[in-house]
Amino acid sequence: MNTPMKLVVAAAMATISISAQAGALAEMSGALAGQQKTKLADSLVDIVSRHGGKVSYEQAYKQADMMLSELDATAKQKGKSCLLIAREWREAEEKKLKEELKTIDDTKKREIVQEFADVAKPTAVDYIKYKCLENSELLNK
């Protein structure tokens, strides 16, 4: 094999290797997004039980799944980096939470809402970043 052909073969092998790694990264990102549902469900069970309530893990997981799945469309935005998408979502949610907390008169309820938001927001931000990477055109070529 002549030298130019060796270079072509080497370039092709490198491209295949990079594509395989990118695909694996996309797959791993999807798995990490799924773990955020478990993390949020665990937090929900913990918060509810610490405040005297009861919720089954199955109920908490369904709630976490529903909440985070609503963010799938947000994570699929085009023309922005995954970090920017997540940051913009977080900023908008912080404004909404501030307004929502103003409407809650019961101090105990306000504390519980704030406590859950303190857990849910970073988990949701991670979910958005992971789902965005999973759906990235760059990683799924």
Foldseek 3Di string as FASTA:
>chain_A
DDDVVVVVVVVVVVVVVLLVVLLVLLVVLVVLLVVLLLQLLVQVQVLQVVVPHHDDSVRSSVVSCVVLVVCLVLLQDPDDALLVSLVVVLVVVVVVLVVVLVPDPDPVVSVSVVSSCVRPSVSSSSSSSSSNSSPDPVSND
